[in-house]
Amino acid sequence: MDSGDMVLDEDELLRRHKQEKKDLQSKVQGLKKSIPKGDKKKKKDITEEIAKLESELEEKHRNELRLLKDSAPNSNQSVDPVPDNDNEKSVPDIEGPTIRVSRAQKRRNKKENEAKEREKRIQEQAEKNKEGPRVLELNTIKQSLRSMNLKVYNIPADGNCLYLAINHQLQVTGRPSHSVNELRKTTADFMLKHTDEFLPFMVNELDESEIVSEEQFENYCKDVATTKLWGGQLELRALSNILKCPIKIIQASGPPTLQGETFKGPELILTYHRHLYRLGEHYNSTLPVTGDDEDV
């Protein structure tokens, strides 16, 4: 800075600095556009030249501000550059447009805002779910169980839930337990031996108006015995007769259902859920409430 520059006041100097930054930015863009596609050497040279030009301009501005401060009547007065939001220091990026620090910060702010908005939507959905069919159903079942001094005992949703719940109840009530395979096989055999009692109640899933044939019924019983086919009312009726015990089903819609009411002994008490899992209907078992249970 020569003696003529010393007469510049702070505002004039900062305006000139801002213009010089804009001029350099235009030059940087021109240099980037001059790089032939795929020319790695040229790209490297231009990157180094851009970094050098930006460093030199920054050093020049720093020196001029220091000289202006030293030449001021009150040398203790600090001279701070006016923030230049339009053209902050850039990071060379040959592959794309120049990335400014302010833009990076904007992106971070945007991500933070998106995260906050996502969390807000999650919380809102959680509030809505409190009134959803799954929660309403479960609360209704729990209320019914509380009047019986019982609580829900969760059973895995793997296609065997009915048989697992039945076996759990056998253990709870002090009866001999059975494996899932045993329960499935005996259920299928019982239904086949009493076709006249079960076939009329079978429904064709593809067409409810079509009567199920004996061959279809036999194939269904085979699936009961050998696959994870979900069990329902027909299987419950068979199991009640096989085990010689009453089976009560607690559900949210309507009163409890009871199979084998003529049999003696404590009831096997299950809960039936339509909305607990997205995969479909589900059975859980039950347990007596103890003093350690805070929420049943």
C-alpha atoms as a PDB file:
ATOM      1  CA  MET A   1       0.000   0.000   0.000  1.00  0.00           C
ATOM      2  CA  ASP A   2       1.582   3.335  -1.039  1.00  0.00           C
ATOM      3  CA  SER A   3       1.261   6.714   0.700  1.00  0.00           C
ATOM      4  CA  GLY A   4      -1.801   7.609  -1.421  1.00  0.00           C
ATOM      5  CA  ASP A   5      -3.608   4.521  -0.165  1.00  0.00           C
ATOM      6  CA  MET A   6      -3.113   5.599   3.450  1.00  0.00           C
ATOM      7  CA  VAL A   7      -5.790   8.244   3.055  1.00  0.00           C
ATOM      8  CA  LEU A   8      -8.397   5.565   2.439  1.00  0.00           C
ATOM      9  CA  ASP A   9     -10.853   5.252   5.280  1.00  0.00           C
ATOM     10  CA  GLU A  10     -12.004   1.923   6.569  1.00  0.00           C
ATOM     11  CA  ASP A  11     -15.264   1.786   4.570  1.00  0.00           C
ATOM     12  CA  GLU A  12     -13.504   2.541   1.291  1.00  0.00           C
ATOM     13  CA  LEU A  13     -10.872  -0.105   1.951  1.00  0.00           C
ATOM     14  CA  LEU A  14     -13.461  -2.771   2.802  1.00  0.00           C
ATOM     15  CA  ARG A  15     -15.489  -1.943  -0.301  1.00  0.00           C
ATOM     16  CA  ARG A  16     -12.377  -2.374  -2.408  1.00  0.00           C
ATOM     17  CA  HIS A  17     -11.603  -5.679  -0.699  1.00  0.00           C
ATOM     18  CA  LYS A  18     -15.095  -6.918  -1.453  1.00  0.00           C
ATOM     19  CA  GLN A  19     -14.763  -5.987  -5.111  1.00  0.00           C
ATOM     20  CA  GLU A  20     -11.356  -7.662  -5.362  1.00  0.00           C
ATOM     21  CA  LYS A  21     -12.826 -10.864  -3.886  1.00  0.00           C
ATOM     22  CA  LYS A  22     -15.591 -10.819  -6.484  1.00  0.00           C
ATOM     23  CA  ASP A  23     -13.068 -10.249  -9.243  1.00  0.00           C
ATOM     24  CA  LEU A  24     -11.006 -13.185  -8.007  1.00  0.00           C
ATOM     25  CA  GLN A  25     -14.092 -15.374  -7.849  1.00  0.00           C
ATOM     26  CA  SER A  26     -14.832 -14.626 -11.501  1.00  0.00           C
ATOM     27  CA  LYS A  27     -11.241 -15.474 -12.388  1.00  0.00           C
ATOM     28  CA  VAL A  28     -11.467 -18.747 -10.445  1.00  0.00           C
ATOM     29  CA  GLN A  29     -14.573 -19.760 -12.356  1.00  0.00           C
ATOM     30  CA  GLY A  30     -12.833 -18.985 -15.621  1.00  0.00           C
ATOM     31  CA  LEU A  31      -9.827 -21.077 -14.643  1.00  0.00           C
ATOM     32  CA  LYS A  32     -12.033 -24.035 -13.784  1.00  0.00           C
ATOM     33  CA  LYS A  33     -13.858 -23.864 -17.089  1.00  0.00           C
ATOM     34  CA  SER A  34     -10.527 -23.879 -18.900  1.00  0.00           C
ATOM     35  CA  ILE A  35      -9.645 -27.367 -17.660  1.00  0.00           C
ATOM     36  CA  PRO A  36     -10.009 -29.983 -20.425  1.00  0.00           C
ATOM     37  CA  LYS A  37     -12.187 -32.891 -19.361  1.00  0.00           C
ATOM     38  CA  GLY A  38     -10.060 -35.754 -18.051  1.00  0.00           C
ATOM     39  CA  ASP A  39      -6.833 -33.716 -17.923  1.00  0.00           C
ATOM     40  CA  LYS A  40      -5.688 -34.554 -14.394  1.00  0.00           C
ATOM     41  CA  LYS A  41      -2.390 -32.655 -14.661  1.00  0.00           C
ATOM     42  CA  LYS A  42      -4.127 -29.469 -15.790  1.00  0.00           C
ATOM     43  CA  LYS A  43      -6.690 -29.937 -13.027  1.00  0.00           C
ATOM     44  CA  LYS A  44      -3.948 -30.240 -10.407  1.00  0.00           C
ATOM     45  CA  ASP A  45      -2.098 -27.160 -11.734  1.00  0.00           C
ATOM     46  CA  ILE A  46      -5.274 -25.045 -11.763  1.00  0.00           C
ATOM     47  CA  THR A  47      -6.182 -26.183  -8.246  1.00  0.00           C
ATOM     48  CA  GLU A  48      -2.778 -25.093  -6.966  1.00  0.00           C
ATOM     49  CA  GLU A  49      -3.012 -21.780  -8.818  1.00  0.00           C
ATOM     50  CA  ILE A  50      -6.470 -21.073  -7.355  1.00  0.00           C
ATOM     51  CA  ALA A  51      -5.264 -21.826  -3.841  1.00  0.00           C
ATOM     52  CA  LYS A  52      -2.243 -19.553  -4.379  1.00  0.00           C
ATOM     53  CA  LEU A  53      -4.358 -16.658  -5.717  1.00  0.00           C
ATOM     54  CA  GLU A  54      -6.809 -16.899  -2.808  1.00  0.00           C
ATOM     55  CA  SER A  55      -3.976 -17.084  -0.272  1.00  0.00           C
ATOM     56  CA  GLU A  56      -2.191 -14.081  -1.792  1.00  0.00           C
ATOM     57  CA  LEU A  57      -5.367 -11.982  -1.836  1.00  0.00           C
ATOM     58  CA  GLU A  58      -6.147 -12.884   1.750  1.00  0.00           C
ATOM     59  CA  GLU A  59      -2.624 -11.953   2.832  1.00  0.00           C
ATOM     60  CA  LYS A  60      -2.810  -8.685   0.880  1.00  0.00           C
ATOM     61  CA  HIS A  61      -6.090  -7.695   2.542  1.00  0.00           C
ATOM     62  CA  ARG A  62      -4.752  -8.613   5.966  1.00  0.00           C
ATOM     63  CA  ASN A  63      -1.672  -6.414   5.459  1.00  0.00           C
ATOM     64  CA  GLU A  64      -3.687  -3.473   4.192  1.00  0.00           C
ATOM     65  CA  LEU A  65      -6.021  -3.632   7.170  1.00  0.00           C
ATOM     66  CA  ARG A  66      -3.051  -3.777   9.533  1.00  0.00           C
ATOM     67  CA  LEU A  67      -1.429  -0.744   7.851  1.00  0.00           C
ATOM     68  CA  LEU A  68      -4.697   1.147   8.030  1.00  0.00           C
ATOM     69  CA  LYS A  69      -4.962   0.363  11.723  1.00  0.00           C
ATOM     70  CA  ASP A  70      -1.354   1.473  12.385  1.00  0.00           C
ATOM     71  CA  SER A  71      -1.823   4.740  10.488  1.00  0.00           C
ATOM     72  CA  ALA A  72      -5.103   5.618  12.213  1.00  0.00           C
ATOM     73  CA  PRO A  73      -5.017   8.543  14.736  1.00  0.00           C
ATOM     74  CA  ASN A  74      -6.093   6.139  17.451  1.00  0.00           C
ATOM     75  CA  SER A  75      -3.982   3.102  16.797  1.00  0.00           C
ATOM     76  CA  ASN A  76      -5.705   1.186  19.592  1.00  0.00           C
ATOM     77  CA  GLN A  77      -8.951   1.201  17.627  1.00  0.00           C
ATOM     78  CA  SER A  78      -9.453  -2.154  16.038  1.00  0.00           C
ATOM     79  CA  VAL A  79     -10.401  -2.446  12.415  1.00  0.00           C
ATOM     80  CA  ASP A  80     -12.520  -5.498  11.689  1.00  0.00           C
ATOM     81  CA  PRO A  81     -13.651  -6.383   8.211  1.00  0.00           C
ATOM     82  CA  VAL A  82     -17.353  -6.261   7.537  1.00  0.00           C
ATOM     83  CA  PRO A  83     -18.630  -9.842   7.200  1.00  0.00           C
ATOM     84  CA  ASP A  84     -18.969 -10.655   3.546  1.00  0.00           C
ATOM     85  CA  ASN A  85     -21.725 -13.237   3.318  1.00  0.00           C
ATOM     86  CA  ASP A  86     -21.754 -13.048  -0.458  1.00  0.00           C
ATOM     87  CA  ASN A  87     -18.220 -14.269  -0.892  1.00  0.00           C
ATOM     88  CA  GLU A  88     -16.569 -16.077   1.966  1.00  0.00           C
ATOM     89  CA  LYS A  89     -13.362 -18.032   1.573  1.00  0.00           C
ATOM     90  CA  SER A  90     -13.936 -20.802  -0.946  1.00  0.00           C
ATOM     91  CA  VAL A  91     -12.711 -24.361  -1.031  1.00  0.00           C
ATOM     92  CA  PRO A  92     -11.503 -25.312  -4.537  1.00  0.00           C
ATOM     93  CA  ASP A  93     -13.644 -28.022  -6.071  1.00  0.00           C
ATOM     94  CA  ILE A  94     -12.711 -28.739  -9.649  1.00  0.00           C
ATOM     95  CA  GLU A  95     -15.371 -31.392 -10.108  1.00  0.00           C
ATOM     96  CA  GLY A  96     -18.261 -29.023  -9.365  1.00  0.00           C
ATOM     97  CA  PRO A  97     -19.181 -25.486  -8.340  1.00  0.00           C
ATOM     98  CA  THR A  98     -17.166 -23.698  -5.658  1.00  0.00           C
ATOM     99  CA  ILE A  99     -18.273 -24.749  -2.171  1.00  0.00           C
ATOM    100  CA  ARG A 100     -18.480 -21.852   0.240  1.00  0.00           C
ATOM    101  CA  VAL A 101     -18.308 -22.307   3.972  1.00  0.00           C
ATOM    102  CA  SER A 102     -21.653 -20.544   4.292  1.00  0.00           C
ATOM    103  CA  ARG A 103     -23.258 -23.034   1.928  1.00  0.00           C
ATOM    104  CA  ALA A 104     -21.827 -25.945   3.878  1.00  0.00           C
ATOM    105  CA  GLN A 105     -23.270 -24.457   7.034  1.00  0.00           C
ATOM    106  CA  LYS A 106     -26.608 -24.032   5.299  1.00  0.00           C
ATOM    107  CA  ARG A 107     -26.575 -27.696   4.373  1.00  0.00           C
ATOM    108  CA  ARG A 108     -25.791 -28.665   7.956  1.00  0.00           C
ATOM    109  CA  ASN A 109     -28.571 -26.432   9.194  1.00  0.00           C
ATOM    110  CA  LYS A 110     -30.935 -27.962   6.661  1.00  0.00           C
ATOM    111  CA  LYS A 111     -30.071 -31.499   7.801  1.00  0.00           C
ATOM    112  CA  GLU A 112     -30.548 -30.505  11.434  1.00  0.00           C
ATOM    113  CA  ASN A 113     -33.922 -28.971  10.638  1.00  0.00           C
ATOM    114  CA  GLU A 114     -34.949 -32.054   8.673  1.00  0.00           C
ATOM    115  CA  ALA A 115     -33.917 -34.280  11.589  1.00  0.00           C
ATOM    116  CA  LYS A 116     -35.926 -32.133  14.005  1.00  0.00           C
ATOM    117  CA  GLU A 117     -38.934 -32.224  11.668  1.00  0.00           C
ATOM    118  CA  ARG A 118     -38.637 -36.008  11.320  1.00  0.00           C
ATOM    119  CA  GLU A 119     -38.473 -36.423  15.091  1.00  0.00           C
ATOM    120  CA  LYS A 120     -41.495 -34.163  15.424  1.00  0.00           C
ATOM    121  CA  ARG A 121     -43.461 -36.319  12.960  1.00  0.00           C
ATOM    122  CA  ILE A 122     -42.426 -39.459  14.852  1.00  0.00           C
ATOM    123  CA  GLN A 123     -43.677 -37.973  18.109  1.00  0.00           C
ATOM    124  CA  GLU A 124     -46.918 -36.880  16.446  1.00  0.00           C
ATOM    125  CA  GLN A 125     -47.421 -40.375  15.029  1.00  0.00           C
ATOM    126  CA  ALA A 126     -46.713 -41.881  18.430  1.00  0.00           C
ATOM    127  CA  GLU A 127     -49.460 -39.693  19.878  1.00  0.00           C
ATOM    128  CA  LYS A 128     -51.830 -40.788  17.106  1.00  0.00           C
ATOM    129  CA  ASN A 129     -50.924 -44.424  17.705  1.00  0.00           C
ATOM    130  CA  LYS A 130     -52.184 -44.050  21.251  1.00  0.00           C
ATOM    131  CA  GLU A 131     -55.625 -43.896  19.693  1.00  0.00           C
ATOM    132  CA  GLY A 132     -54.845 -46.446  16.975  1.00  0.00           C
ATOM    133  CA  PRO A 133     -56.556 -49.853  16.614  1.00  0.00           C
ATOM    134  CA  ARG A 134     -53.555 -51.799  17.947  1.00  0.00           C
ATOM    135  CA  VAL A 135     -53.366 -49.862  21.219  1.00  0.00           C
ATOM    136  CA  LEU A 136     -57.129 -49.651  21.643  1.00  0.00           C
ATOM    137  CA  GLU A 137     -57.472 -53.402  21.120  1.00  0.00           C
ATOM    138  CA  LEU A 138     -54.647 -54.229  23.518  1.00  0.00           C
ATOM    139  CA  ASN A 139     -56.008 -51.892  26.201  1.00  0.00           C
ATOM    140  CA  THR A 140     -59.466 -53.447  25.910  1.00  0.00           C
ATOM    141  CA  ILE A 141     -58.035 -56.951  26.274  1.00  0.00           C
ATOM    142  CA  LYS A 142     -55.898 -55.906  29.238  1.00  0.00           C
ATOM    143  CA  GLN A 143     -58.946 -54.384  30.916  1.00  0.00           C
ATOM    144  CA  SER A 144     -60.852 -57.651  30.514  1.00  0.00           C
ATOM    145  CA  LEU A 145     -57.915 -59.606  31.921  1.00  0.00           C
ATOM    146  CA  ARG A 146     -57.587 -57.289  34.929  1.00  0.00           C
ATOM    147  CA  SER A 147     -61.117 -58.235  35.985  1.00  0.00           C
ATOM    148  CA  MET A 148     -59.878 -61.846  35.980  1.00  0.00           C
ATOM    149  CA  ASN A 149     -56.639 -60.944  37.770  1.00  0.00           C
ATOM    150  CA  LEU A 150     -54.677 -61.949  34.660  1.00  0.00           C
ATOM    151  CA  LYS A 151     -52.128 -60.352  32.342  1.00  0.00           C
ATOM    152  CA  VAL A 152     -50.976 -60.973  28.757  1.00  0.00           C
ATOM    153  CA  TYR A 153     -48.099 -63.387  28.216  1.00  0.00           C
ATOM    154  CA  ASN A 154     -46.507 -62.685  24.818  1.00  0.00           C
ATOM    155  CA  ILE A 155     -46.118 -65.543  22.350  1.00  0.00           C
ATOM    156  CA  PRO A 156     -43.826 -65.326  19.273  1.00  0.00           C
ATOM    157  CA  ALA A 157     -45.623 -64.486  16.025  1.00  0.00           C
ATOM    158  CA  ASP A 158     -44.195 -67.295  13.882  1.00  0.00           C
ATOM    159  CA  GLY A 159     -47.294 -69.132  12.663  1.00  0.00           C
ATOM    160  CA  ASN A 160     -47.274 -71.450  15.685  1.00  0.00           C
ATOM    161  CA  CYS A 161     -48.734 -68.923  18.127  1.00  0.00           C
ATOM    162  CA  LEU A 162     -51.930 -70.875  18.803  1.00  0.00           C
ATOM    163  CA  TYR A 163     -50.093 -74.103  19.632  1.00  0.00           C
ATOM    164  CA  LEU A 164     -47.397 -72.319  21.662  1.00  0.00           C
ATOM    165  CA  ALA A 165     -50.059 -70.473  23.640  1.00  0.00           C
ATOM    166  CA  ILE A 166     -51.977 -73.705  24.279  1.00  0.00           C
ATOM    167  CA  ASN A 167     -48.834 -75.467  25.506  1.00  0.00           C
ATOM    168  CA  HIS A 168     -47.990 -72.518  27.764  1.00  0.00           C
ATOM    169  CA  GLN A 169     -51.457 -72.723  29.286  1.00  0.00           C
ATOM    170  CA  LEU A 170     -51.056 -76.457  29.829  1.00  0.00           C
ATOM    171  CA  GLN A 171     -47.946 -75.707  31.866  1.00  0.00           C
ATOM    172  CA  VAL A 172     -49.598 -72.813  33.747  1.00  0.00           C
ATOM    173  CA  THR A 173     -52.554 -75.002  34.735  1.00  0.00           C
ATOM    174  CA  GLY A 174     -50.348 -77.936  35.771  1.00  0.00           C
ATOM    175  CA  ARG A 175     -51.237 -80.239  32.880  1.00  0.00           C
ATOM    176  CA  PRO A 176     -48.781 -82.323  30.805  1.00  0.00           C
ATOM    177  CA  SER A 177     -47.132 -80.212  28.118  1.00  0.00           C
ATOM    178  CA  HIS A 178     -46.777 -81.056  24.416  1.00  0.00           C
ATOM    179  CA  SER A 179     -44.512 -79.861  21.638  1.00  0.00           C
ATOM    180  CA  VAL A 180     -45.868 -77.827  18.760  1.00  0.00           C
ATOM    181  CA  ASN A 181     -45.358 -80.753  16.380  1.00  0.00           C
ATOM    182  CA  GLU A 182     -47.316 -83.071  18.668  1.00  0.00           C
ATOM    183  CA  LEU A 183     -50.181 -80.609  18.993  1.00  0.00           C
ATOM    184  CA  ARG A 184     -50.297 -79.997  15.249  1.00  0.00           C
ATOM    185  CA  LYS A 185     -50.303 -83.699  14.369  1.00  0.00           C
ATOM    186  CA  THR A 186     -52.961 -84.672  16.877  1.00  0.00           C
ATOM    187  CA  THR A 187     -55.106 -81.713  15.782  1.00  0.00           C
ATOM    188  CA  ALA A 188     -54.869 -82.729  12.111  1.00  0.00           C
ATOM    189  CA  ASP A 189     -55.607 -86.395  12.916  1.00  0.00           C
ATOM    190  CA  PHE A 190     -58.639 -85.478  15.043  1.00  0.00           C
ATOM    191  CA  MET A 191     -60.076 -83.251  12.317  1.00  0.00           C
ATOM    192  CA  LEU A 192     -59.603 -85.982   9.694  1.00  0.00           C
ATOM    193  CA  LYS A 193     -61.306 -88.562  11.910  1.00  0.00           C
ATOM    194  CA  HIS A 194     -64.254 -86.197  12.456  1.00  0.00           C
ATOM    195  CA  THR A 195     -64.575 -84.768   8.960  1.00  0.00           C
ATOM    196  CA  ASP A 196     -68.363 -84.414   9.249  1.00  0.00           C
ATOM    197  CA  GLU A 197     -67.953 -82.123  12.263  1.00  0.00           C
ATOM    198  CA  PHE A 198     -65.364 -79.821  10.676  1.00  0.00           C
ATOM    199  CA  LEU A 199     -65.758 -79.834   6.880  1.00  0.00           C
ATOM    200  CA  PRO A 200     -69.123 -77.944   6.867  1.00  0.00           C
ATOM    201  CA  PHE A 201     -67.465 -75.067   8.709  1.00  0.00           C
ATOM    202  CA  MET A 202     -64.519 -74.773   6.354  1.00  0.00           C
ATOM    203  CA  VAL A 203     -64.444 -71.666   4.112  1.00  0.00           C
ATOM    204  CA  ASN A 204     -62.756 -71.441   0.728  1.00  0.00           C
ATOM    205  CA  GLU A 205     -60.382 -68.490   1.084  1.00  0.00           C
ATOM    206  CA  LEU A 206     -60.479 -67.745  -2.654  1.00  0.00           C
ATOM    207  CA  ASP A 207     -64.253 -67.916  -2.964  1.00  0.00           C
ATOM    208  CA  GLU A 208     -66.338 -67.989   0.223  1.00  0.00           C
ATOM    209  CA  SER A 209     -69.417 -69.056  -1.721  1.00  0.00           C
ATOM    210  CA  GLU A 210     -67.688 -72.229  -2.937  1.00  0.00           C
ATOM    211  CA  ILE A 211     -67.990 -75.378  -0.826  1.00  0.00           C
ATOM    212  CA  VAL A 212     -64.725 -76.956   0.300  1.00  0.00           C
ATOM    213  CA  SER A 213     -64.244 -80.454  -1.129  1.00  0.00           C
ATOM    214  CA  GLU A 214     -63.073 -83.452   0.887  1.00  0.00           C
ATOM    215  CA  GLU A 215     -59.777 -83.377  -1.010  1.00  0.00           C
ATOM    216  CA  GLN A 216     -59.273 -79.722  -0.120  1.00  0.00           C
ATOM    217  CA  PHE A 217     -60.099 -80.509   3.506  1.00  0.00           C
ATOM    218  CA  GLU A 218     -57.569 -83.354   3.577  1.00  0.00           C
ATOM    219  CA  ASN A 219     -54.883 -81.070   2.098  1.00  0.00           C
ATOM    220  CA  TYR A 220     -55.742 -78.459   4.715  1.00  0.00           C
ATOM    221  CA  CYS A 221     -55.304 -80.992   7.529  1.00  0.00           C
ATOM    222  CA  LYS A 222     -51.989 -82.063   6.019  1.00  0.00           C
ATOM    223  CA  ASP A 223     -50.843 -78.426   6.147  1.00  0.00           C
ATOM    224  CA  VAL A 224     -51.980 -78.183   9.773  1.00  0.00           C
ATOM    225  CA  ALA A 225     -49.723 -81.121  10.636  1.00  0.00           C
ATOM    226  CA  THR A 226     -46.647 -80.259   8.558  1.00  0.00           C
ATOM    227  CA  THR A 227     -46.463 -76.478   8.100  1.00  0.00           C
ATOM    228  CA  LYS A 228     -46.792 -73.292  10.142  1.00  0.00           C
ATOM    229  CA  LEU A 229     -50.374 -72.808   8.995  1.00  0.00           C
ATOM    230  CA  TRP A 230     -52.118 -70.376  11.329  1.00  0.00           C
ATOM    231  CA  GLY A 231     -54.736 -71.946  13.601  1.00  0.00           C
ATOM    232  CA  GLY A 232     -58.247 -70.678  14.274  1.00  0.00           C
ATOM    233  CA  GLN A 233     -61.622 -71.711  15.675  1.00  0.00           C
ATOM    234  CA  LEU A 234     -61.619 -75.171  14.080  1.00  0.00           C
ATOM    235  CA  GLU A 235     -58.219 -75.994  15.558  1.00  0.00           C
ATOM    236  CA  LEU A 236     -59.299 -74.655  18.961  1.00  0.00           C
ATOM    237  CA  ARG A 237     -62.346 -76.920  18.900  1.00  0.00           C
ATOM    238  CA  ALA A 238     -60.174 -79.909  18.013  1.00  0.00           C
ATOM    239  CA  LEU A 239     -57.598 -79.094  20.692  1.00  0.00           C
ATOM    240  CA  SER A 240     -60.265 -78.746  23.364  1.00  0.00           C
ATOM    241  CA  ASN A 241     -61.542 -82.230  22.537  1.00  0.00           C
ATOM    242  CA  ILE A 242     -58.060 -83.724  22.345  1.00  0.00           C
ATOM    243  CA  LEU A 243     -56.897 -82.237  25.664  1.00  0.00           C
ATOM    244  CA  LYS A 244     -60.287 -82.670  27.357  1.00  0.00           C
ATOM    245  CA  CYS A 245     -60.260 -79.175  28.791  1.00  0.00           C
ATOM    246  CA  PRO A 246     -62.159 -75.901  28.235  1.00  0.00           C
ATOM    247  CA  ILE A 247     -60.412 -73.190  26.220  1.00  0.00           C
ATOM    248  CA  LYS A 248     -61.464 -69.553  26.670  1.00  0.00           C
ATOM    249  CA  ILE A 249     -60.493 -66.823  24.203  1.00  0.00           C
ATOM    250  CA  ILE A 250     -60.445 -63.198  25.379  1.00  0.00           C
ATOM    251  CA  GLN A 251     -60.872 -60.649  22.575  1.00  0.00           C
ATOM    252  CA  ALA A 252     -61.468 -56.940  22.233  1.00  0.00           C
ATOM    253  CA  SER A 253     -64.599 -57.211  20.099  1.00  0.00           C
ATOM    254  CA  GLY A 254     -67.393 -59.096  21.764  1.00  0.00           C
ATOM    255  CA  PRO A 255     -67.560 -61.396  24.790  1.00  0.00           C
ATOM    256  CA  PRO A 256     -65.089 -64.229  25.404  1.00  0.00           C
ATOM    257  CA  THR A 257     -65.614 -67.423  23.420  1.00  0.00           C
ATOM    258  CA  LEU A 258     -65.431 -70.841  25.042  1.00  0.00           C
ATOM    259  CA  GLN A 259     -64.654 -74.231  23.539  1.00  0.00           C
ATOM    260  CA  GLY A 260     -65.260 -77.473  25.481  1.00  0.00           C
ATOM    261  CA  GLU A 261     -67.397 -75.940  28.206  1.00  0.00           C
ATOM    262  CA  THR A 262     -68.479 -79.450  29.297  1.00  0.00           C
ATOM    263  CA  PHE A 263     -64.934 -80.479  30.219  1.00  0.00           C
ATOM    264  CA  LYS A 264     -63.736 -80.301  33.802  1.00  0.00           C
ATOM    265  CA  GLY A 265     -60.703 -78.518  35.166  1.00  0.00           C
ATOM    266  CA  PRO A 266     -59.290 -74.989  34.889  1.00  0.00           C
ATOM    267  CA  GLU A 267     -59.749 -73.175  31.601  1.00  0.00           C
ATOM    268  CA  LEU A 268     -56.895 -72.555  29.184  1.00  0.00           C
ATOM    269  CA  ILE A 269     -57.166 -68.782  28.715  1.00  0.00           C
ATOM    270  CA  LEU A 270     -55.757 -67.194  25.544  1.00  0.00           C
ATOM    271  CA  THR A 271     -56.046 -63.721  24.068  1.00  0.00           C
ATOM    272  CA  TYR A 272     -56.926 -63.117  20.424  1.00  0.00           C
ATOM    273  CA  HIS A 273     -55.520 -60.076  18.598  1.00  0.00           C
ATOM    274  CA  ARG A 274     -56.447 -58.752  15.165  1.00  0.00           C
ATOM    275  CA  HIS A 275     -54.176 -55.697  15.108  1.00  0.00           C
ATOM    276  CA  LEU A 276     -51.177 -56.573  17.275  1.00  0.00           C
ATOM    277  CA  TYR A 277     -48.965 -57.449  14.308  1.00  0.00           C
ATOM    278  CA  ARG A 278     -49.054 -56.368  10.680  1.00  0.00           C
ATOM    279  CA  LEU A 279     -48.833 -59.991   9.549  1.00  0.00           C
ATOM    280  CA  GLY A 280     -52.376 -60.630  10.785  1.00  0.00           C
ATOM    281  CA  GLU A 281     -54.240 -62.367  13.590  1.00  0.00           C
ATOM    282  CA  HIS A 282     -52.359 -63.600  16.641  1.00  0.00           C
ATOM    283  CA  TYR A 283     -52.833 -65.535  19.864  1.00  0.00           C
ATOM    284  CA  ASN A 284     -51.139 -64.811  23.181  1.00  0.00           C
ATOM    285  CA  SER A 285     -51.282 -66.668  26.459  1.00  0.00           C
ATOM    286  CA  THR A 286     -52.002 -65.320  29.948  1.00  0.00           C
ATOM    287  CA  LEU A 287     -50.531 -65.416  33.447  1.00  0.00           C
ATOM    288  CA  PRO A 288     -51.878 -64.569  36.896  1.00  0.00           C
ATOM    289  CA  VAL A 289     -51.057 -61.057  38.094  1.00  0.00           C
ATOM    290  CA  THR A 290     -48.505 -60.888  40.907  1.00  0.00           C
ATOM    291  CA  GLY A 291     -47.568 -58.132  43.319  1.00  0.00           C
ATOM    292  CA  ASP A 292     -44.488 -57.315  41.244  1.00  0.00           C
ATOM    293  CA  ASP A 293     -46.557 -56.362  38.189  1.00  0.00           C
ATOM    294  CA  GLU A 294     -46.691 -52.579  37.886  1.00  0.00           C
ATOM    295  CA  ASP A 295     -48.538 -52.404  34.580  1.00  0.00           C
ATOM    296  CA  VAL A 296     -50.706 -55.197  33.280  1.00  0.00           C
END
